[in-house]
């Protein structure tokens, strides 16, 4: 499907994730590094407009038999998303060192 473009949309939760990541890095490191991480994360998000199917299935969801979501990363951050038609919905952007099982259950499955 070369040349096919997808619209990439961030959910409110994903926008809050980006803001929290930025604020944390700016507060505990420096604004320059926070800018760097934000730029790279936004680049990863934008790259999904061309090839959203390239992402792997999150292992935490595979264990539950769920294959509706995919992930890509700018280490250590994971971007969890879902492709629906011509749209890519970003649901979660989080440090992969967190308890992802609980985070994904709360955010995606409403647990």
PDB file of N, CA and C in Angstrom:
ATOM      1  N   UNK A   1       0.823  -1.187   0.000  1.00  0.00           N
ATOM      2  CA  UNK A   1       0.000   0.000   0.000  1.00  0.00           C
ATOM      3  C   UNK A   1       0.867   1.250   0.000  1.00  0.00           C
ATOM      4  N   UNK A   2       1.791   1.285  -0.908  1.00  0.00           N
ATOM      5  CA  UNK A   2       2.698   2.423  -1.003  1.00  0.00           C
ATOM      6  C   UNK A   2       1.914   3.690  -1.325  1.00  0.00           C
ATOM      7  N   UNK A   3       2.317   4.778  -0.724  1.00  0.00           N
ATOM      8  CA  UNK A   3       1.707   6.062  -0.964  1.00  0.00           C
ATOM      9  C   UNK A   3       0.434   6.315  -0.169  1.00  0.00           C
ATOM     10  N   UNK A   4      -0.059   5.315   0.514  1.00  0.00           N
ATOM     11  CA  UNK A   4      -1.273   5.472   1.306  1.00  0.00           C
ATOM     12  C   UNK A   4      -0.939   6.252   2.568  1.00  0.00           C
ATOM     13  N   UNK A   5      -1.706   7.288   2.836  1.00  0.00           N
ATOM     14  CA  UNK A   5      -1.468   8.111   4.016  1.00  0.00           C
ATOM     15  C   UNK A   5      -2.581   7.924   5.027  1.00  0.00           C
ATOM     16  N   UNK A   6      -2.180   7.804   6.263  1.00  0.00           N
ATOM     17  CA  UNK A   6      -3.117   7.671   7.367  1.00  0.00           C
ATOM     18  C   UNK A   6      -3.124   8.960   8.172  1.00  0.00           C
ATOM     19  N   UNK A   7      -4.271   9.286   8.732  1.00  0.00           N
ATOM     20  CA  UNK A   7      -4.373  10.423   9.640  1.00  0.00           C
ATOM     21  C   UNK A   7      -4.019   9.922  11.029  1.00  0.00           C
ATOM     22  N   UNK A   8      -3.091  10.611  11.693  1.00  0.00           N
ATOM     23  CA  UNK A   8      -2.652  10.214  13.029  1.00  0.00           C
ATOM     24  C   UNK A   8      -3.285  11.153  14.048  1.00  0.00           C
ATOM     25  N   UNK A   9      -3.982  10.574  15.020  1.00  0.00           N
ATOM     26  CA  UNK A   9      -4.684  11.347  16.036  1.00  0.00           C
ATOM     27  C   UNK A   9      -4.246  10.916  17.425  1.00  0.00           C
ATOM     28  N   UNK A  10      -3.970  11.880  18.273  1.00  0.00           N
ATOM     29  CA  UNK A  10      -3.626  11.581  19.656  1.00  0.00           C
ATOM     30  C   UNK A  10      -4.879  11.682  20.515  1.00  0.00           C
ATOM     31  N   UNK A  11      -5.104  10.680  21.341  1.00  0.00           N
ATOM     32  CA  UNK A  11      -6.203  10.768  22.296  1.00  0.00           C
ATOM     33  C   UNK A  11      -5.810  11.778  23.373  1.00  0.00           C
ATOM     34  N   UNK A  12      -6.775  12.174  24.165  1.00  0.00           N
ATOM     35  CA  UNK A  12      -6.496  13.097  25.268  1.00  0.00           C
ATOM     36  C   UNK A  12      -5.462  12.494  26.220  1.00  0.00           C
ATOM     37  N   UNK A  13      -5.576  11.195  26.467  1.00  0.00           N
ATOM     38  CA  UNK A  13      -4.615  10.521  27.343  1.00  0.00           C
ATOM     39  C   UNK A  13      -3.201  10.574  26.793  1.00  0.00           C
ATOM     40  N   UNK A  14      -3.038  10.377  25.484  1.00  0.00           N
ATOM     41  CA  UNK A  14      -1.710  10.423  24.864  1.00  0.00           C
ATOM     42  C   UNK A  14      -1.131  11.834  24.915  1.00  0.00           C
ATOM     43  N   UNK A  15      -1.978  12.830  24.722  1.00  0.00           N
ATOM     44  CA  UNK A  15      -1.508  14.222  24.828  1.00  0.00           C
ATOM     45  C   UNK A  15      -1.016  14.507  26.246  1.00  0.00           C
ATOM     46  N   UNK A  16      -1.761  14.025  27.233  1.00  0.00           N
ATOM     47  CA  UNK A  16      -1.348  14.202  28.628  1.00  0.00           C
ATOM     48  C   UNK A  16      -0.051  13.451  28.907  1.00  0.00           C
ATOM     49  N   UNK A  17       0.105  12.272  28.293  1.00  0.00           N
ATOM     50  CA  UNK A  17       1.349  11.511  28.453  1.00  0.00           C
ATOM     51  C   UNK A  17       2.543  12.326  27.965  1.00  0.00           C
ATOM     52  N   UNK A  18       2.417  12.917  26.777  1.00  0.00           N
ATOM     53  CA  UNK A  18       3.512  13.724  26.225  1.00  0.00           C
ATOM     54  C   UNK A  18       3.852  14.900  27.141  1.00  0.00           C
ATOM     55  N   UNK A  19       2.811  15.553  27.631  1.00  0.00           N
ATOM     56  CA  UNK A  19       3.009  16.695  28.527  1.00  0.00           C
ATOM     57  C   UNK A  19       3.712  16.259  29.816  1.00  0.00           C
ATOM     58  N   UNK A  20       3.299  15.146  30.372  1.00  0.00           N
ATOM     59  CA  UNK A  20       3.908  14.640  31.606  1.00  0.00           C
ATOM     60  C   UNK A  20       5.370  14.249  31.400  1.00  0.00           C
ATOM     61  N   UNK A  21       5.653  13.590  30.281  1.00  0.00           N
ATOM     62  CA  UNK A  21       7.029  13.195  29.971  1.00  0.00           C
ATOM     63  C   UNK A  21       7.901  14.441  29.835  1.00  0.00           C
ATOM     64  N   UNK A  22       7.399  15.418  29.093  1.00  0.00           N
ATOM     65  CA  UNK A  22       8.147  16.662  28.897  1.00  0.00           C
ATOM     66  C   UNK A  22       8.418  17.357  30.240  1.00  0.00           C
ATOM     67  N   UNK A  23       7.362  17.512  31.039  1.00  0.00           N
ATOM     68  CA  UNK A  23       7.494  18.198  32.327  1.00  0.00           C
ATOM     69  C   UNK A  23       8.479  17.466  33.245  1.00  0.00           C
ATOM     70  N   UNK A  24       8.421  16.143  33.244  1.00  0.00           N
ATOM     71  CA  UNK A  24       9.318  15.358  34.096  1.00  0.00           C
ATOM     72  C   UNK A  24      10.772  15.579  33.690  1.00  0.00           C
ATOM     73  N   UNK A  25      11.050  15.456  32.398  1.00  0.00           N
ATOM     74  CA  UNK A  25      12.432  15.618  31.929  1.00  0.00           C
ATOM     75  C   UNK A  25      12.913  17.048  32.147  1.00  0.00           C
ATOM     76  N   UNK A  26      12.069  18.025  31.859  1.00  0.00           N
ATOM     77  CA  UNK A  26      12.448  19.432  32.053  1.00  0.00           C
ATOM     78  C   UNK A  26      12.722  19.721  33.524  1.00  0.00           C
ATOM     79  N   UNK A  27      11.951  19.102  34.403  1.00  0.00           N
ATOM     80  CA  UNK A  27      12.105  19.348  35.833  1.00  0.00           C
ATOM     81  C   UNK A  27      13.291  18.641  36.460  1.00  0.00           C
ATOM     82  N   UNK A  28      13.569  17.421  36.005  1.00  0.00           N
ATOM     83  CA  UNK A  28      14.627  16.636  36.620  1.00  0.00           C
ATOM     84  C   UNK A  28      15.922  16.616  35.831  1.00  0.00           C
ATOM     85  N   UNK A  29      15.895  17.090  34.607  1.00  0.00           N
ATOM     86  CA  UNK A  29      17.105  17.142  33.785  1.00  0.00           C
ATOM     87  C   UNK A  29      17.237  18.561  33.257  1.00  0.00           C
ATOM     88  N   UNK A  30      16.827  18.804  32.022  1.00  0.00           N
ATOM     89  CA  UNK A  30      16.858  20.175  31.503  1.00  0.00           C
ATOM     90  C   UNK A  30      15.874  20.307  30.336  1.00  0.00           C
ATOM     91  N   UNK A  31      15.521  21.533  30.035  1.00  0.00           N
ATOM     92  CA  UNK A  31      14.560  21.819  28.973  1.00  0.00           C
ATOM     93  C   UNK A  31      15.074  21.336  27.618  1.00  0.00           C
ATOM     94  N   UNK A  32      16.374  21.458  27.374  1.00  0.00           N
ATOM     95  CA  UNK A  32      16.949  21.022  26.097  1.00  0.00           C
ATOM     96  C   UNK A  32      16.720  19.534  25.871  1.00  0.00           C
ATOM     97  N   UNK A  33      16.948  18.722  26.894  1.00  0.00           N
ATOM     98  CA  UNK A  33      16.720  17.284  26.763  1.00  0.00           C
ATOM     99  C   UNK A  33      15.237  16.964  26.641  1.00  0.00           C
ATOM    100  N   UNK A  34      14.405  17.723  27.338  1.00  0.00           N
ATOM    101  CA  UNK A  34      12.961  17.529  27.217  1.00  0.00           C
ATOM    102  C   UNK A  34      12.511  17.831  25.786  1.00  0.00           C
ATOM    103  N   UNK A  35      13.048  18.906  25.203  1.00  0.00           N
ATOM    104  CA  UNK A  35      12.737  19.255  23.808  1.00  0.00           C
ATOM    105  C   UNK A  35      13.172  18.136  22.865  1.00  0.00           C
ATOM    106  N   UNK A  36      14.358  17.592  23.101  1.00  0.00           N
ATOM    107  CA  UNK A  36      14.910  16.518  22.270  1.00  0.00           C
ATOM    108  C   UNK A  36      13.998  15.281  22.291  1.00  0.00           C
ATOM    109  N   UNK A  37      13.604  14.856  23.479  1.00  0.00           N
ATOM    110  CA  UNK A  37      12.747  13.679  23.614  1.00  0.00           C
ATOM    111  C   UNK A  37      11.385  13.944  22.974  1.00  0.00           C
ATOM    112  N   UNK A  38      10.810  15.115  23.224  1.00  0.00           N
ATOM    113  CA  UNK A  38       9.509  15.452  22.646  1.00  0.00           C
ATOM    114  C   UNK A  38       9.583  15.446  21.118  1.00  0.00           C
ATOM    115  N   UNK A  39      10.629  16.043  20.561  1.00  0.00           N
ATOM    116  CA  UNK A  39      10.789  16.061  19.096  1.00  0.00           C
ATOM    117  C   UNK A  39      10.858  14.649  18.530  1.00  0.00           C
ATOM    118  N   UNK A  40      11.611  13.772  19.179  1.00  0.00           N
ATOM    119  CA  UNK A  40      11.734  12.397  18.696  1.00  0.00           C
ATOM    120  C   UNK A  40      10.423  11.623  18.836  1.00  0.00           C
ATOM    121  N   UNK A  41       9.740  11.805  19.952  1.00  0.00           N
ATOM    122  CA  UNK A  41       8.453  11.125  20.135  1.00  0.00           C
ATOM    123  C   UNK A  41       7.427  11.594  19.095  1.00  0.00           C
ATOM    124  N   UNK A  42       7.406  12.889  18.830  1.00  0.00           N
ATOM    125  CA  UNK A  42       6.484  13.405  17.817  1.00  0.00           C
ATOM    126  C   UNK A  42       6.863  12.890  16.432  1.00  0.00           C
ATOM    127  N   UNK A  43       8.155  12.712  16.179  1.00  0.00           N
ATOM    128  CA  UNK A  43       8.609  12.133  14.915  1.00  0.00           C
ATOM    129  C   UNK A  43       8.140  10.693  14.754  1.00  0.00           C
ATOM    130  N   UNK A  44       8.232   9.928  15.838  1.00  0.00           N
ATOM    131  CA  UNK A  44       7.751   8.542  15.826  1.00  0.00           C
ATOM    132  C   UNK A  44       6.248   8.519  15.546  1.00  0.00           C
ATOM    133  N   UNK A  45       5.520   9.384  16.218  1.00  0.00           N
ATOM    134  CA  UNK A  45       4.068   9.461  16.034  1.00  0.00           C
ATOM    135  C   UNK A  45       3.748   9.817  14.574  1.00  0.00           C
ATOM    136  N   UNK A  46       4.406  10.828  14.050  1.00  0.00           N
ATOM    137  CA  UNK A  46       4.134  11.267  12.681  1.00  0.00           C
ATOM    138  C   UNK A  46       4.503  10.196  11.653  1.00  0.00           C
ATOM    139  N   UNK A  47       5.538   9.414  11.924  1.00  0.00           N
ATOM    140  CA  UNK A  47       5.963   8.377  10.980  1.00  0.00           C
ATOM    141  C   UNK A  47       4.891   7.312  10.787  1.00  0.00           C
ATOM    142  N   UNK A  48       3.969   7.222  11.723  1.00  0.00           N
ATOM    143  CA  UNK A  48       2.889   6.241  11.609  1.00  0.00           C
ATOM    144  C   UNK A  48       1.906   6.588  10.495  1.00  0.00           C
ATOM    145  N   UNK A  49       1.958   7.812   9.987  1.00  0.00           N
ATOM    146  CA  UNK A  49       1.053   8.193   8.898  1.00  0.00           C
ATOM    147  C   UNK A  49       1.382   7.441   7.611  1.00  0.00           C
ATOM    148  N   UNK A  50       2.611   6.957   7.491  1.00  0.00           N
ATOM    149  CA  UNK A  50       3.008   6.240   6.278  1.00  0.00           C
ATOM    150  C   UNK A  50       2.936   4.725   6.435  1.00  0.00           C
ATOM    151  N   UNK A  51       3.394   4.207   7.565  1.00  0.00           N
ATOM    152  CA  UNK A  51       3.477   2.755   7.741  1.00  0.00           C
ATOM    153  C   UNK A  51       3.011   2.303   9.118  1.00  0.00           C
ATOM    154  N   UNK A  52       1.739   2.460   9.435  1.00  0.00           N
ATOM    155  CA  UNK A  52       1.290   2.086  10.782  1.00  0.00           C
ATOM    156  C   UNK A  52       1.327   0.584  11.055  1.00  0.00           C
ATOM    157  N   UNK A  53       1.250  -0.231  10.010  1.00  0.00           N
ATOM    158  CA  UNK A  53       1.225  -1.680  10.212  1.00  0.00           C
ATOM    159  C   UNK A  53       2.573  -2.244  10.645  1.00  0.00           C
ATOM    160  N   UNK A  54       3.609  -1.442  10.589  1.00  0.00           N
ATOM    161  CA  UNK A  54       4.952  -1.947  10.912  1.00  0.00           C
ATOM    162  C   UNK A  54       5.132  -2.238  12.399  1.00  0.00           C
ATOM    163  N   UNK A  55       4.303  -1.673  13.224  1.00  0.00           N
ATOM    164  CA  UNK A  55       4.454  -1.843  14.664  1.00  0.00           C
ATOM    165  C   UNK A  55       4.139  -3.248  15.137  1.00  0.00           C
ATOM    166  N   UNK A  56       4.838  -3.655  16.176  1.00  0.00           N
ATOM    167  CA  UNK A  56       4.620  -4.972  16.782  1.00  0.00           C
ATOM    168  C   UNK A  56       3.417  -4.915  17.717  1.00  0.00           C
ATOM    169  N   UNK A  57       2.877  -6.080  18.017  1.00  0.00           N
ATOM    170  CA  UNK A  57       1.812  -6.168  19.003  1.00  0.00           C
ATOM    171  C   UNK A  57       2.440  -6.137  20.393  1.00  0.00           C
ATOM    172  N   UNK A  58       1.908  -5.325  21.311  1.00  0.00           N
ATOM    173  CA  UNK A  58       2.452  -5.311  22.677  1.00  0.00           C
ATOM    174  C   UNK A  58       2.315  -6.691  23.333  1.00  0.00           C
ATOM    175  N   UNK A  59       3.416  -7.192  23.878  1.00  0.00           N
ATOM    176  CA  UNK A  59       3.421  -8.539  24.463  1.00  0.00           C
ATOM    177  C   UNK A  59       2.430  -8.676  25.609  1.00  0.00           C
ATOM    178  N   UNK A  60       2.194  -7.584  26.336  1.00  0.00           N
ATOM    179  CA  UNK A  60       1.245  -7.623  27.453  1.00  0.00           C
ATOM    180  C   UNK A  60      -0.177  -7.870  26.964  1.00  0.00           C
ATOM    181  N   UNK A  61      -0.490  -7.373  25.765  1.00  0.00           N
ATOM    182  CA  UNK A  61      -1.832  -7.572  25.209  1.00  0.00           C
ATOM    183  C   UNK A  61      -1.938  -8.912  24.491  1.00  0.00           C
ATOM    184  N   UNK A  62      -0.862  -9.330  23.843  1.00  0.00           N
ATOM    185  CA  UNK A  62      -0.836 -10.648  23.187  1.00  0.00           C
ATOM    186  C   UNK A  62      -1.138 -11.733  24.221  1.00  0.00           C
ATOM    187  N   UNK A  63      -0.586 -11.566  25.434  1.00  0.00           N
ATOM    188  CA  UNK A  63      -0.803 -12.546  26.501  1.00  0.00           C
ATOM    189  C   UNK A  63      -2.285 -12.667  26.846  1.00  0.00           C
ATOM    190  N   UNK A  64      -3.047 -11.614  26.565  1.00  0.00           N
ATOM    191  CA  UNK A  64      -4.487 -11.628  26.828  1.00  0.00           C
ATOM    192  C   UNK A  64      -5.294 -11.975  25.573  1.00  0.00           C
ATOM    193  N   UNK A  65      -4.587 -12.277  24.485  1.00  0.00           N
ATOM    194  CA  UNK A  65      -5.258 -12.610  23.236  1.00  0.00           C
ATOM    195  C   UNK A  65      -5.759 -11.402  22.468  1.00  0.00           C
ATOM    196  N   UNK A  66      -5.226 -10.208  22.779  1.00  0.00           N
ATOM    197  CA  UNK A  66      -5.678  -8.973  22.134  1.00  0.00           C
ATOM    198  C   UNK A  66      -4.662  -8.553  21.074  1.00  0.00           C
ATOM    199  N   UNK A  67      -5.136  -8.445  19.832  1.00  0.00           N
ATOM    200  CA  UNK A  67      -4.264  -8.032  18.724  1.00  0.00           C
ATOM    201  C   UNK A  67      -4.815  -6.785  18.019  1.00  0.00           C
ATOM    202  N   UNK A  68      -5.532  -5.962  18.743  1.00  0.00           N
ATOM    203  CA  UNK A  68      -6.114  -4.759  18.154  1.00  0.00           C
ATOM    204  C   UNK A  68      -5.147  -3.574  18.174  1.00  0.00           C
ATOM    205  N   UNK A  69      -4.137  -3.656  19.003  1.00  0.00           N
ATOM    206  CA  UNK A  69      -3.217  -2.532  19.206  1.00  0.00           C
ATOM    207  C   UNK A  69      -1.812  -2.917  18.749  1.00  0.00           C
ATOM    208  N   UNK A  70      -1.066  -1.890  18.378  1.00  0.00           N
ATOM    209  CA  UNK A  70       0.332  -2.073  17.989  1.00  0.00           C
ATOM    210  C   UNK A  70       1.177  -1.094  18.784  1.00  0.00           C
ATOM    211  N   UNK A  71       2.485  -1.246  18.653  1.00  0.00           N
ATOM    212  CA  UNK A  71       3.378  -0.331  19.352  1.00  0.00           C
ATOM    213  C   UNK A  71       4.596  -0.031  18.499  1.00  0.00           C
ATOM    214  N   UNK A  72       5.166   1.122  18.760  1.00  0.00           N
ATOM    215  CA  UNK A  72       6.463   1.502  18.231  1.00  0.00           C
ATOM    216  C   UNK A  72       7.154   2.221  19.382  1.00  0.00           C
ATOM    217  N   UNK A  73       8.416   2.564  19.202  1.00  0.00           N
ATOM    218  CA  UNK A  73       9.140   3.097  20.357  1.00  0.00           C
ATOM    219  C   UNK A  73      10.217   4.094  19.977  1.00  0.00           C
ATOM    220  N   UNK A  74      10.496   4.956  20.930  1.00  0.00           N
ATOM    221  CA  UNK A  74      11.715   5.757  21.008  1.00  0.00           C
ATOM    222  C   UNK A  74      12.189   5.454  22.417  1.00  0.00           C
ATOM    223  N   UNK A  75      13.086   4.497  22.525  1.00  0.00           N
ATOM    224  CA  UNK A  75      13.468   3.923  23.820  1.00  0.00           C
ATOM    225  C   UNK A  75      13.857   4.984  24.818  1.00  0.00           C
ATOM    226  N   UNK A  76      13.372   4.842  26.045  1.00  0.00           N
ATOM    227  CA  UNK A  76      12.597   3.735  26.604  1.00  0.00           C
ATOM    228  C   UNK A  76      11.084   3.912  26.442  1.00  0.00           C
ATOM    229  N   UNK A  77      10.661   4.900  25.665  1.00  0.00           N
ATOM    230  CA  UNK A  77       9.226   5.204  25.567  1.00  0.00           C
ATOM    231  C   UNK A  77       8.542   4.331  24.529  1.00  0.00           C
ATOM    232  N   UNK A  78       7.360   3.875  24.878  1.00  0.00           N
ATOM    233  CA  UNK A  78       6.545   3.059  23.983  1.00  0.00           C
ATOM    234  C   UNK A  78       5.303   3.840  23.574  1.00  0.00           C
ATOM    235  N   UNK A  79       4.988   3.768  22.305  1.00  0.00           N
ATOM    236  CA  UNK A  79       3.807   4.423  21.745  1.00  0.00           C
ATOM    237  C   UNK A  79       2.834   3.313  21.357  1.00  0.00           C
ATOM    238  N   UNK A  80       1.689   3.278  22.022  1.00  0.00           N
ATOM    239  CA  UNK A  80       0.680   2.246  21.788  1.00  0.00           C
ATOM    240  C   UNK A  80      -0.449   2.875  20.973  1.00  0.00           C
ATOM    241  N   UNK A  81      -0.801   2.218  19.864  1.00  0.00           N
ATOM    242  CA  UNK A  81      -1.787   2.790  18.956  1.00  0.00           C
ATOM    243  C   UNK A  81      -2.649   1.711  18.318  1.00  0.00           C
ATOM    244  N   UNK A  82      -3.678   2.191  17.625  1.00  0.00           N
ATOM    245  CA  UNK A  82      -4.603   1.289  16.933  1.00  0.00           C
ATOM    246  C   UNK A  82      -4.923   1.889  15.570  1.00  0.00           C
ATOM    247  N   UNK A  83      -4.934   1.055  14.556  1.00  0.00           N
ATOM    248  CA  UNK A  83      -5.278   1.489  13.205  1.00  0.00           C
ATOM    249  C   UNK A  83      -6.729   1.107  12.949  1.00  0.00           C
ATOM    250  N   UNK A  84      -7.536   2.110  12.621  1.00  0.00           N
ATOM    251  CA  UNK A  84      -8.945   1.888  12.296  1.00  0.00           C
ATOM    252  C   UNK A  84      -9.215   2.620  10.986  1.00  0.00           C
ATOM    253  N   UNK A  85      -9.407   1.854   9.931  1.00  0.00           N
ATOM    254  CA  UNK A  85      -9.604   2.460   8.612  1.00  0.00           C
ATOM    255  C   UNK A  85      -8.371   3.225   8.195  1.00  0.00           C
ATOM    256  N   UNK A  86      -8.544   4.486   7.871  1.00  0.00           N
ATOM    257  CA  UNK A  86      -7.436   5.352   7.446  1.00  0.00           C
ATOM    258  C   UNK A  86      -6.901   6.210   8.592  1.00  0.00           C
ATOM    259  N   UNK A  87      -7.243   5.847   9.816  1.00  0.00           N
ATOM    260  CA  UNK A  87      -6.825   6.641  10.967  1.00  0.00           C
ATOM    261  C   UNK A  87      -6.000   5.804  11.930  1.00  0.00           C
ATOM    262  N   UNK A  88      -5.011   6.461  12.520  1.00  0.00           N
ATOM    263  CA  UNK A  88      -4.170   5.845  13.542  1.00  0.00           C
ATOM    264  C   UNK A  88      -4.433   6.613  14.835  1.00  0.00           C
ATOM    265  N   UNK A  89      -4.944   5.912  15.832  1.00  0.00           N
ATOM    266  CA  UNK A  89      -5.239   6.528  17.121  1.00  0.00           C
ATOM    267  C   UNK A  89      -4.136   6.168  18.108  1.00  0.00           C
ATOM    268  N   UNK A  90      -3.475   7.192  18.636  1.00  0.00           N
ATOM    269  CA  UNK A  90      -2.436   6.995  19.646  1.00  0.00           C
ATOM    270  C   UNK A  90      -3.131   7.011  21.003  1.00  0.00           C
ATOM    271  N   UNK A  91      -3.006   5.907  21.742  1.00  0.00           N
ATOM    272  CA  UNK A  91      -3.687   5.785  23.028  1.00  0.00           C
ATOM    273  C   UNK A  91      -2.777   6.019  24.224  1.00  0.00           C
ATOM    274  N   UNK A  92      -1.516   5.691  24.071  1.00  0.00           N
ATOM    275  CA  UNK A  92      -0.631   5.712  25.227  1.00  0.00           C
ATOM    276  C   UNK A  92       0.805   5.977  24.791  1.00  0.00           C
ATOM    277  N   UNK A  93       1.481   6.854  25.513  1.00  0.00           N
ATOM    278  CA  UNK A  93       2.911   7.079  25.326  1.00  0.00           C
ATOM    279  C   UNK A  93       3.505   7.035  26.726  1.00  0.00           C
ATOM    280  N   UNK A  94       4.316   6.017  26.983  1.00  0.00           N
ATOM    281  CA  UNK A  94       4.793   5.821  28.350  1.00  0.00           C
ATOM    282  C   UNK A  94       6.187   5.216  28.366  1.00  0.00           C
ATOM    283  N   UNK A  95       6.867   5.435  29.472  1.00  0.00           N
ATOM    284  CA  UNK A  95       8.165   4.819  29.705  1.00  0.00           C
ATOM    285  C   UNK A  95       7.942   3.319  29.837  1.00  0.00           C
ATOM    286  N   UNK A  96       8.575   2.553  28.975  1.00  0.00           N
ATOM    287  CA  UNK A  96       8.403   1.113  28.958  1.00  0.00           C
ATOM    288  C   UNK A  96       8.903   0.408  30.198  1.00  0.00           C
ATOM    289  N   UNK A  97       9.613   1.119  31.059  1.00  0.00           N
ATOM    290  CA  UNK A  97      10.103   0.513  32.300  1.00  0.00           C
ATOM    291  C   UNK A  97       9.030   0.511  33.388  1.00  0.00           C
ATOM    292  N   UNK A  98       7.921   1.171  33.114  1.00  0.00           N
ATOM    293  CA  UNK A  98       6.798   1.173  34.062  1.00  0.00           C
ATOM    294  C   UNK A  98       6.090  -0.170  34.027  1.00  0.00           C
ATOM    295  N   UNK A  99       5.147  -0.359  34.930  1.00  0.00           N
ATOM    296  CA  UNK A  99       4.326  -1.564  34.944  1.00  0.00           C
ATOM    297  C   UNK A  99       3.322  -1.443  33.803  1.00  0.00           C
ATOM    298  N   UNK A 100       3.750  -1.868  32.629  1.00  0.00           N
ATOM    299  CA  UNK A 100       2.934  -1.692  31.431  1.00  0.00           C
ATOM    300  C   UNK A 100       1.658  -2.532  31.471  1.00  0.00           C
ATOM    301  N   UNK A 101       1.711  -3.685  32.090  1.00  0.00           N
ATOM    302  CA  UNK A 101       0.515  -4.534  32.165  1.00  0.00           C
ATOM    303  C   UNK A 101      -0.633  -3.770  32.833  1.00  0.00           C
ATOM    304  N   UNK A 102      -0.350  -3.169  33.973  1.00  0.00           N
ATOM    305  CA  UNK A 102      -1.385  -2.408  34.693  1.00  0.00           C
ATOM    306  C   UNK A 102      -1.793  -1.160  33.923  1.00  0.00           C
ATOM    307  N   UNK A 103      -0.818  -0.464  33.378  1.00  0.00           N
ATOM    308  CA  UNK A 103      -1.091   0.764  32.635  1.00  0.00           C
ATOM    309  C   UNK A 103      -1.969   0.485  31.416  1.00  0.00           C
ATOM    310  N   UNK A 104      -1.635  -0.549  30.669  1.00  0.00           N
ATOM    311  CA  UNK A 104      -2.436  -0.900  29.494  1.00  0.00           C
ATOM    312  C   UNK A 104      -3.830  -1.363  29.897  1.00  0.00           C
ATOM    313  N   UNK A 105      -3.933  -2.120  30.971  1.00  0.00           N
ATOM    314  CA  UNK A 105      -5.255  -2.575  31.433  1.00  0.00           C
ATOM    315  C   UNK A 105      -6.132  -1.387  31.795  1.00  0.00           C
ATOM    316  N   UNK A 106      -5.565  -0.403  32.495  1.00  0.00           N
ATOM    317  CA  UNK A 106      -6.336   0.777  32.896  1.00  0.00           C
ATOM    318  C   UNK A 106      -6.710   1.610  31.688  1.00  0.00           C
ATOM    319  N   UNK A 107      -5.746   1.911  30.837  1.00  0.00           N
ATOM    320  CA  UNK A 107      -5.973   2.850  29.742  1.00  0.00           C
ATOM    321  C   UNK A 107      -6.773   2.255  28.587  1.00  0.00           C
ATOM    322  N   UNK A 108      -6.471   1.029  28.216  1.00  0.00           N
ATOM    323  CA  UNK A 108      -7.082   0.453  27.022  1.00  0.00           C
ATOM    324  C   UNK A 108      -8.286  -0.429  27.322  1.00  0.00           C
ATOM    325  N   UNK A 109      -8.243  -1.114  28.450  1.00  0.00           N
ATOM    326  CA  UNK A 109      -9.290  -2.084  28.743  1.00  0.00           C
ATOM    327  C   UNK A 109     -10.255  -1.611  29.816  1.00  0.00           C
ATOM    328  N   UNK A 110     -10.003  -0.419  30.372  1.00  0.00           N
ATOM    329  CA  UNK A 110     -10.882   0.130  31.368  1.00  0.00           C
ATOM    330  C   UNK A 110     -10.912  -0.630  32.678  1.00  0.00           C
ATOM    331  N   UNK A 111      -9.831  -1.378  32.943  1.00  0.00           N
ATOM    332  CA  UNK A 111      -9.773  -2.185  34.181  1.00  0.00           C
ATOM    333  C   UNK A 111      -9.342  -1.345  35.360  1.00  0.00           C
TER     334      UNK A 111
END
